[in-house]
Amino acid sequence: MLIWLLSDYDHRKHVAFKSLLARFSAAYPDSDIEFLVKSRHSLWESLFAHLRDPKRNPLADVVEIPQNWTELLARLGLLSELSSGLEALSQRRYPEFILRELCRDGGSRAYSAPWWLEAPALFYRPQALKGAVEDPDRELASWEGFRAALDRLRPPARRGNFRGLSVPGSSGAVEVSDVLPRMWGRRGGLFSDDFNRATFSRDETAGGVEDWLELAVSGKIELFSADRFENGPRPAEDCAFIISSRKIQAPGRSGLKMLPYPGYPSGGGLMLVYNLAVSASAGDFGAAAAFVAWALEPRNVSAFAESFGVFPCLNSVFEERLRNEKEAAVYRRLFSAPELMPNIMVYPTAELLLERALWNLSLKIARRDYEREDLDRELIMAQGEADYLLSLY
């Protein structure tokens, strides 16, 4: 059995998955199991290469996917239906906000099983904010307040590697997961509420993208820098703010405190959910489904998620993790009004269109060749392609 696992900037995910496989093999010694790590881009290419030539490009038996790819891949005939064979799915043992996007039509059929999730939030070091922020809960609740605080920061006398803001966990360019919280915070988005037209160039959407690009243009974040490749956020002593979707792993947390992502009036925010799916061409569906069911057992999913600072999706261990979390009050605010990427056919391709635009803009910023008109041009082109996609569905 072959598994395709999504790549991750944090090596602990892959270490944890190796440990998971070792325990599965110990429990099922007759199993023959291996895995390959694929980036989102290479996974996408592999899936569509299979559609073009199934014999030359076989699928893995089990695939980790972003939850909102489920509808598209299922409609293309790439995924097996799972709800009848997985107790967690048949019994709906997930938070309602996860199920709402997994089964948008309210039906009982599901083609992937929620595995783990992450939620971007703002971490800060109180000592570093002295003289810049008097009331963090109030001043850092809005994007404008957060942005003003960045300007007021003063590095310590012994600066060392001090940075005002660290944003770990990307390819180095600005990514969709970076800009979505600002787009949605401004009540923008990639599509209209009825999904009848693309809205990439809408003021609220473009403004959200611009908010994030401005951080790079002004030097508050450095694109293609080391801290956007490292295995986890920079040490807390090195920066005043960290925007991270993972629990920060720093010795003693170094006095770090946590707030919701700035700019969400409700205190909620973006949730990124990742699922396990069994491919429609799995050599042994029963064995593949059995592995997914085993991986989703409470003790297994809990240990896996805890190892790299994310949340398990299974409701019982999700709630247990919340109860034991030091920042439980903040996380409950995040989960009180969560927003997930829509699980509809056109959305994954629209994300790729925006990702390409952001890559082009990031290169321009890094080369100091960026103008505001570049943003308008890239978004208009991406919107035109997205509207064409909509016309096909």
Protein backbone atom coordinates (compact mmCIF):
# COMPACT_ATOMS: atom_id res chain seq x y z
CA MET A 1 0.00 0.00 0.00
CA LEU A 2 1.33 3.40 -1.02
CA ILE A 3 0.45 6.65 0.75
CA TRP A 4 0.98 10.16 -0.59
CA LEU A 5 1.60 12.60 2.27
CA LEU A 6 1.55 16.38 1.84
CA SER A 7 4.89 18.05 2.44
CA ASP A 8 5.28 20.36 5.41
CA TYR A 9 7.76 23.01 6.51
CA ASP A 10 7.92 21.31 9.92
CA HIS A 11 9.92 18.10 9.76
CA ARG A 12 8.14 16.87 12.90
CA LYS A 13 5.09 16.00 10.83
CA HIS A 14 7.07 13.53 8.75
CA VAL A 15 8.80 12.09 11.82
CA ALA A 16 5.39 11.65 13.47
CA PHE A 17 4.01 9.94 10.37
CA LYS A 18 6.93 7.52 10.26
CA SER A 19 6.20 6.68 13.89
CA LEU A 20 2.53 6.21 13.02
CA LEU A 21 3.41 3.79 10.22
CA ALA A 22 5.79 1.88 12.50
CA ARG A 23 3.02 1.36 15.04
CA PHE A 24 0.59 0.33 12.31
CA SER A 25 3.08 -2.20 10.93
CA ALA A 26 3.62 -3.58 14.44
CA ALA A 27 -0.13 -4.00 14.87
CA TYR A 28 -0.55 -5.43 11.36
CA PRO A 29 2.74 -7.25 10.60
CA ASP A 30 1.45 -8.60 7.29
CA SER A 31 0.93 -5.09 5.91
CA ASP A 32 3.28 -3.78 3.24
CA ILE A 33 3.15 -0.02 3.45
CA GLU A 34 5.27 2.92 2.29
CA PHE A 35 4.78 6.63 1.73
CA LEU A 36 6.00 9.44 -0.50
CA VAL A 37 5.96 13.14 0.38
CA LYS A 38 4.46 15.47 -2.21
CA SER A 39 4.05 19.23 -2.29
CA ARG A 40 0.59 20.60 -3.03
CA HIS A 41 1.77 21.38 -6.56
CA SER A 42 3.29 17.96 -7.24
CA LEU A 43 0.26 16.23 -5.71
CA TRP A 44 -2.03 18.21 -8.01
CA GLU A 45 0.13 17.34 -11.01
CA SER A 46 0.16 13.65 -10.06
CA LEU A 47 -3.62 13.51 -9.72
CA PHE A 48 -4.21 15.06 -13.12
CA ALA A 49 -1.44 13.02 -14.74
CA HIS A 50 -3.41 9.96 -13.63
CA LEU A 51 -6.51 11.31 -15.35
CA ARG A 52 -4.58 11.74 -18.59
CA ASP A 53 -2.89 8.32 -18.49
CA PRO A 54 -3.97 6.03 -15.61
CA LYS A 55 -1.70 3.15 -16.58
CA ARG A 56 1.51 5.15 -16.70
CA ASN A 57 0.60 7.35 -13.71
CA PRO A 58 -1.00 5.19 -11.01
CA LEU A 59 -2.46 6.78 -7.90
CA ALA A 60 -1.41 6.00 -4.36
CA ASP A 61 -3.86 3.94 -2.33
CA VAL A 62 -4.24 6.59 0.38
CA VAL A 63 -3.81 10.33 -0.23
CA GLU A 64 -3.64 13.28 2.15
CA ILE A 65 -5.49 16.24 0.62
CA PRO A 66 -6.72 19.68 1.67
CA GLN A 67 -10.36 19.14 2.63
CA ASN A 68 -11.65 21.55 0.01
CA TRP A 69 -10.17 19.42 -2.80
CA THR A 70 -12.61 16.64 -1.93
CA GLU A 71 -15.57 17.65 -4.09
CA LEU A 72 -13.50 18.22 -7.21
CA LEU A 73 -11.52 14.98 -6.91
CA ALA A 74 -14.65 12.99 -6.12
CA ARG A 75 -16.47 14.40 -9.17
CA LEU A 76 -13.48 13.47 -11.30
CA GLY A 77 -13.81 9.88 -10.10
CA LEU A 78 -10.49 9.83 -8.23
CA LEU A 79 -11.77 9.08 -4.71
CA SER A 80 -13.68 6.24 -3.07
CA GLU A 81 -16.76 6.86 -0.92
CA LEU A 82 -15.84 6.33 2.73
CA SER A 83 -18.75 7.17 5.00
CA SER A 84 -20.26 3.69 5.00
CA GLY A 85 -16.98 2.07 6.08
CA LEU A 86 -15.57 4.57 8.58
CA GLU A 87 -17.33 4.86 11.90
CA ALA A 88 -16.01 8.39 12.50
CA LEU A 89 -17.70 9.52 9.30
CA SER A 90 -20.90 7.49 9.57
CA GLN A 91 -21.39 8.69 13.15
CA ARG A 92 -20.41 12.28 12.25
CA ARG A 93 -17.80 12.46 15.01
CA TYR A 94 -16.41 15.81 13.91
CA PRO A 95 -17.07 19.45 14.83
CA GLU A 96 -19.99 20.88 12.91
CA PHE A 97 -17.85 23.48 11.14
CA ILE A 98 -15.78 20.69 9.57
CA LEU A 99 -18.80 18.64 8.50
CA ARG A 100 -20.46 21.73 7.02
CA GLU A 101 -17.84 21.92 4.26
CA LEU A 102 -17.16 18.20 3.96
CA CYS A 103 -20.81 17.49 3.13
CA ARG A 104 -22.03 20.81 1.72
CA ASP A 105 -25.24 19.33 0.32
CA GLY A 106 -26.21 17.88 3.70
CA GLY A 107 -25.95 14.34 2.34
CA SER A 108 -24.48 11.34 4.07
CA ARG A 109 -21.81 10.50 1.48
CA ALA A 110 -18.22 11.56 2.16
CA TYR A 111 -15.15 10.99 0.02
CA SER A 112 -12.46 11.93 2.51
CA ALA A 113 -12.01 11.79 6.27
CA PRO A 114 -10.97 14.90 8.26
CA TRP A 115 -7.61 14.26 9.93
CA TRP A 116 -6.04 17.44 11.35
CA LEU A 117 -6.46 21.20 11.23
CA GLU A 118 -4.61 24.42 11.95
CA ALA A 119 -5.78 27.95 12.68
CA PRO A 120 -3.64 31.06 12.02
CA ALA A 121 -3.28 33.27 15.10
CA LEU A 122 -1.10 36.07 16.45
CA PHE A 123 1.57 35.33 19.05
CA TYR A 124 3.48 38.11 20.77
CA ARG A 125 6.16 38.63 23.40
CA PRO A 126 4.97 41.22 25.95
CA GLN A 127 8.50 42.28 26.83
CA ALA A 128 9.15 43.28 23.22
CA LEU A 129 6.00 45.44 23.05
CA LYS A 130 6.90 47.81 25.88
CA GLY A 131 6.51 51.36 24.69
CA ALA A 132 4.70 50.23 21.54
CA VAL A 133 1.50 48.60 22.80
CA GLU A 134 -0.28 49.39 26.07
CA ASP A 135 -3.38 47.20 25.71
CA PRO A 136 -2.63 44.23 23.41
CA ASP A 137 -6.15 42.74 23.53
CA ARG A 138 -7.66 46.00 22.30
CA GLU A 139 -4.93 47.45 20.10
CA LEU A 140 -4.05 44.21 18.30
CA ALA A 141 -7.65 43.21 17.61
CA SER A 142 -7.69 45.17 14.33
CA TRP A 143 -5.28 44.94 11.43
CA GLU A 144 -4.74 48.70 11.60
CA GLY A 145 -3.79 48.45 15.27
CA PHE A 146 -1.43 45.55 14.60
CA ARG A 147 0.17 47.36 11.68
CA ALA A 148 0.65 50.53 13.74
CA ALA A 149 2.25 48.49 16.53
CA LEU A 150 4.77 47.09 14.06
CA ASP A 151 5.81 50.64 13.16
CA ARG A 152 6.22 51.60 16.82
CA LEU A 153 8.44 48.65 17.74
CA ARG A 154 11.95 49.51 18.83
CA PRO A 155 14.64 46.83 18.77
CA PRO A 156 16.47 46.16 22.03
CA ALA A 157 19.87 47.69 22.65
CA ARG A 158 21.47 44.36 21.86
CA ARG A 159 19.52 43.73 18.72
CA GLY A 160 21.04 40.41 17.69
CA ASN A 161 18.64 38.68 15.32
CA PHE A 162 15.60 40.69 16.45
CA ARG A 163 12.71 40.90 14.00
CA GLY A 164 9.43 42.69 14.50
CA LEU A 165 7.45 39.93 12.75
CA SER A 166 8.13 36.33 11.85
CA VAL A 167 5.88 34.33 9.52
CA PRO A 168 7.21 30.78 9.31
CA GLY A 169 5.93 27.99 7.20
CA SER A 170 5.72 29.09 3.60
CA SER A 171 7.71 28.63 0.42
CA GLY A 172 9.18 32.06 0.89
CA ALA A 173 6.66 33.80 -1.35
CA VAL A 174 3.35 35.20 -0.16
CA GLU A 175 0.80 32.37 -0.29
CA VAL A 176 -2.96 31.99 -0.41
CA SER A 177 -3.08 30.95 3.24
CA ASP A 178 -1.31 34.24 4.09
CA VAL A 179 -3.76 36.54 2.32
CA LEU A 180 -7.05 34.73 2.90
CA PRO A 181 -7.45 35.89 6.53
CA ARG A 182 -7.05 39.51 5.41
CA MET A 183 -9.37 39.06 2.41
CA TRP A 184 -12.04 37.51 4.59
CA GLY A 185 -11.41 40.00 7.38
CA ARG A 186 -12.32 42.71 4.89
CA ARG A 187 -15.30 40.55 3.78
CA GLY A 188 -13.76 39.89 0.40
CA GLY A 189 -13.22 36.54 -1.30
CA LEU A 190 -12.49 34.76 -4.55
CA PHE A 191 -16.17 34.36 -5.51
CA SER A 192 -19.48 36.04 -4.92
CA ASP A 193 -21.68 34.56 -2.18
CA ASP A 194 -23.72 32.62 -4.76
CA PHE A 195 -20.54 31.43 -6.56
CA ASN A 196 -21.83 32.81 -9.86
CA ARG A 197 -18.87 35.09 -10.54
CA ALA A 198 -15.24 35.54 -9.53
CA THR A 199 -14.37 38.55 -7.37
CA PHE A 200 -10.56 38.57 -7.37
CA SER A 201 -10.43 42.26 -8.29
CA ARG A 202 -13.17 43.37 -5.91
CA ASP A 203 -11.97 46.17 -3.60
CA GLU A 204 -12.30 44.07 -0.44
CA THR A 205 -10.40 41.16 -1.99
CA ALA A 206 -7.64 43.23 -3.55
CA GLY A 207 -7.35 45.26 -0.35
CA GLY A 208 -6.82 42.13 1.68
CA VAL A 209 -4.06 40.97 -0.64
CA GLU A 210 -2.52 44.44 -0.60
CA ASP A 211 -2.47 44.49 3.21
CA TRP A 212 -0.20 41.47 3.21
CA LEU A 213 1.96 42.51 0.27
CA GLU A 214 2.54 45.84 2.01
CA LEU A 215 4.25 44.00 4.86
CA ALA A 216 6.79 42.71 2.35
CA VAL A 217 7.13 46.00 0.47
CA SER A 218 7.79 47.88 3.73
CA GLY A 219 10.30 45.30 4.92
CA LYS A 220 8.25 44.04 7.87
CA ILE A 221 8.61 40.55 6.44
CA GLU A 222 11.38 39.37 4.15
CA LEU A 223 10.35 37.14 1.28
CA PHE A 224 12.43 34.06 0.44
CA SER A 225 14.24 34.38 3.78
CA ALA A 226 15.41 31.66 6.15
CA ASP A 227 12.61 32.02 8.70
CA ARG A 228 10.07 31.09 6.04
CA PHE A 229 11.82 27.77 5.44
CA GLU A 230 12.82 26.70 8.94
CA ASN A 231 11.27 23.86 10.91
CA GLY A 232 8.93 26.01 12.96
CA PRO A 233 8.85 29.64 14.04
CA ARG A 234 11.95 31.55 15.03
CA PRO A 235 12.76 31.45 18.76
CA ALA A 236 10.41 33.76 20.62
CA GLU A 237 13.33 35.86 21.89
CA ASP A 238 14.16 36.86 18.30
CA CYS A 239 10.88 38.57 17.41
CA ALA A 240 8.02 40.56 18.86
CA PHE A 241 5.24 38.99 16.78
CA ILE A 242 4.72 35.61 15.17
CA ILE A 243 1.80 34.85 12.87
CA SER A 244 1.51 31.08 12.98
CA SER A 245 -1.15 28.46 12.40
CA ARG A 246 0.73 26.08 14.72
CA LYS A 247 1.23 26.06 18.44
CA ILE A 248 4.58 27.70 19.04
CA GLN A 249 7.22 25.26 20.25
CA ALA A 250 9.63 27.42 22.26
CA PRO A 251 11.36 26.58 25.55
CA GLY A 252 8.90 27.56 28.28
CA ARG A 253 6.99 29.45 25.57
CA SER A 254 9.39 32.31 26.52
CA GLY A 255 6.57 34.44 27.85
CA LEU A 256 4.64 34.23 24.58
CA LYS A 257 0.99 35.18 24.61
CA MET A 258 -1.63 34.51 21.98
CA LEU A 259 -4.46 36.48 20.36
CA PRO A 260 -6.83 35.79 17.47
CA TYR A 261 -5.66 36.80 14.02
CA PRO A 262 -5.99 40.61 13.83
CA GLY A 263 -8.85 41.99 11.81
CA TYR A 264 -11.67 39.52 12.47
CA PRO A 265 -14.49 41.35 14.28
CA SER A 266 -15.92 38.04 15.47
CA GLY A 267 -12.59 36.82 16.82
CA GLY A 268 -12.82 33.80 14.53
CA GLY A 269 -10.70 33.17 11.49
CA LEU A 270 -9.39 30.84 8.83
CA MET A 271 -9.30 27.09 9.47
CA LEU A 272 -7.12 24.87 7.29
CA VAL A 273 -8.35 21.27 7.36
CA TYR A 274 -6.48 18.26 5.94
CA ASN A 275 -8.10 14.91 5.16
CA LEU A 276 -7.22 11.34 4.30
CA ALA A 277 -8.80 9.83 1.21
CA VAL A 278 -8.74 6.41 -0.43
CA SER A 279 -8.21 6.54 -4.17
CA ALA A 280 -10.78 4.99 -6.47
CA SER A 281 -8.01 2.83 -7.98
CA ALA A 282 -6.68 1.49 -4.67
CA GLY A 283 -5.38 -2.04 -5.12
CA ASP A 284 -7.03 -3.20 -1.90
CA PHE A 285 -9.78 -0.83 -0.81
CA GLY A 286 -10.38 -2.75 2.41
CA ALA A 287 -6.75 -2.47 3.52
CA ALA A 288 -6.55 1.21 2.58
CA ALA A 289 -9.79 2.03 4.40
CA ALA A 290 -8.59 0.02 7.41
CA PHE A 291 -5.44 2.13 7.59
CA VAL A 292 -7.46 5.37 7.44
CA ALA A 293 -9.77 4.08 10.18
CA TRP A 294 -6.77 3.11 12.32
CA ALA A 295 -5.05 6.47 11.78
CA LEU A 296 -8.24 8.21 12.93
CA GLU A 297 -8.52 6.26 16.18
CA PRO A 298 -8.39 8.73 19.10
CA ARG A 299 -5.00 7.76 20.51
CA ASN A 300 -3.38 7.70 17.07
CA VAL A 301 -4.73 10.97 15.72
CA SER A 302 -4.12 12.70 19.06
CA ALA A 303 -0.45 11.74 19.21
CA PHE A 304 0.09 12.60 15.56
CA ALA A 305 -1.46 16.08 15.78
CA GLU A 306 0.15 16.96 19.10
CA SER A 307 3.61 16.16 17.74
CA PHE A 308 3.69 19.17 15.41
CA GLY A 309 1.37 21.61 17.15
CA VAL A 310 -1.92 21.19 15.28
CA PHE A 311 -5.42 20.04 16.27
CA PRO A 312 -6.94 16.61 15.61
CA CYS A 313 -10.27 16.75 13.79
CA LEU A 314 -11.97 13.88 15.65
CA ASN A 315 -14.41 15.56 18.02
CA SER A 316 -13.52 13.73 21.24
CA VAL A 317 -9.77 14.39 21.01
CA PHE A 318 -10.37 17.87 19.58
CA GLU A 319 -12.33 18.82 22.70
CA GLU A 320 -9.78 17.12 24.97
CA ARG A 321 -6.98 19.10 23.36
CA LEU A 322 -8.95 22.32 23.89
CA ARG A 323 -9.50 21.54 27.57
CA ASN A 324 -5.80 20.96 28.13
CA GLU A 325 -4.55 23.87 26.04
CA LYS A 326 -3.00 26.81 27.90
CA GLU A 327 -4.56 29.23 25.39
CA ALA A 328 -7.92 27.45 25.35
CA ALA A 329 -9.89 30.70 25.68
CA VAL A 330 -8.27 32.16 22.56
CA TYR A 331 -8.67 28.95 20.58
CA ARG A 332 -12.35 28.77 21.52
CA ARG A 333 -12.74 32.28 20.13
CA LEU A 334 -11.10 31.13 16.91
CA PHE A 335 -13.33 28.07 16.66
CA SER A 336 -16.48 30.02 17.56
CA ALA A 337 -16.66 31.60 14.10
CA PRO A 338 -14.43 29.52 11.81
CA GLU A 339 -14.19 30.04 8.07
CA LEU A 340 -13.08 27.22 5.80
CA MET A 341 -12.19 27.21 2.13
CA PRO A 342 -15.34 26.14 0.25
CA ASN A 343 -15.41 22.50 -0.77
CA ILE A 344 -16.72 23.12 -4.29
CA MET A 345 -15.38 22.04 -7.67
CA VAL A 346 -14.02 25.37 -8.88
CA TYR A 347 -12.31 26.53 -5.70
CA PRO A 348 -9.07 24.48 -5.73
CA THR A 349 -8.23 25.68 -9.25
CA ALA A 350 -9.07 29.26 -8.25
CA GLU A 351 -6.61 28.93 -5.38
CA LEU A 352 -3.91 27.86 -7.83
CA LEU A 353 -4.68 30.89 -9.99
CA LEU A 354 -4.27 33.18 -6.98
CA GLU A 355 -1.13 31.30 -5.90
CA ARG A 356 0.43 31.94 -9.29
CA ALA A 357 -0.45 35.64 -9.08
CA LEU A 358 1.05 35.89 -5.59
CA TRP A 359 4.23 34.16 -6.72
CA ASN A 360 4.65 36.66 -9.57
CA LEU A 361 4.02 39.59 -7.24
CA SER A 362 6.39 38.20 -4.61
CA LEU A 363 9.18 37.97 -7.17
CA LYS A 364 8.58 41.58 -8.16
CA ILE A 365 8.72 42.69 -4.53
CA ALA A 366 11.91 40.72 -3.89
CA ARG A 367 13.47 42.34 -6.97
CA ARG A 368 12.23 45.78 -5.84
CA ASP A 369 10.26 46.06 -9.06
CA TYR A 370 6.72 46.07 -7.63
CA GLU A 371 4.06 48.69 -8.37
CA ARG A 372 0.46 48.75 -7.14
CA GLU A 373 -0.71 48.36 -10.73
CA ASP A 374 0.97 44.96 -10.82
CA LEU A 375 -1.52 43.72 -8.22
CA ASP A 376 -4.50 44.95 -10.22
CA ARG A 377 -3.18 43.37 -13.40
CA GLU A 378 -2.50 39.98 -11.82
CA LEU A 379 -5.89 39.83 -10.09
CA ILE A 380 -7.79 40.84 -13.23
CA MET A 381 -6.06 38.09 -15.22
CA ALA A 382 -6.74 35.50 -12.50
CA GLN A 383 -10.38 36.62 -12.28
CA GLY A 384 -10.84 36.21 -16.03
CA GLU A 385 -9.57 32.63 -15.86
CA ALA A 386 -11.75 31.89 -12.82
CA ASP A 387 -14.83 33.24 -14.59
CA TYR A 388 -14.05 30.97 -17.52
CA LEU A 389 -13.88 28.02 -15.12
CA LEU A 390 -17.27 28.93 -13.71
CA SER A 391 -18.74 28.92 -17.20
CA LEU A 392 -17.70 25.29 -17.58
CA TYR A 393 -19.54 24.04 -14.50
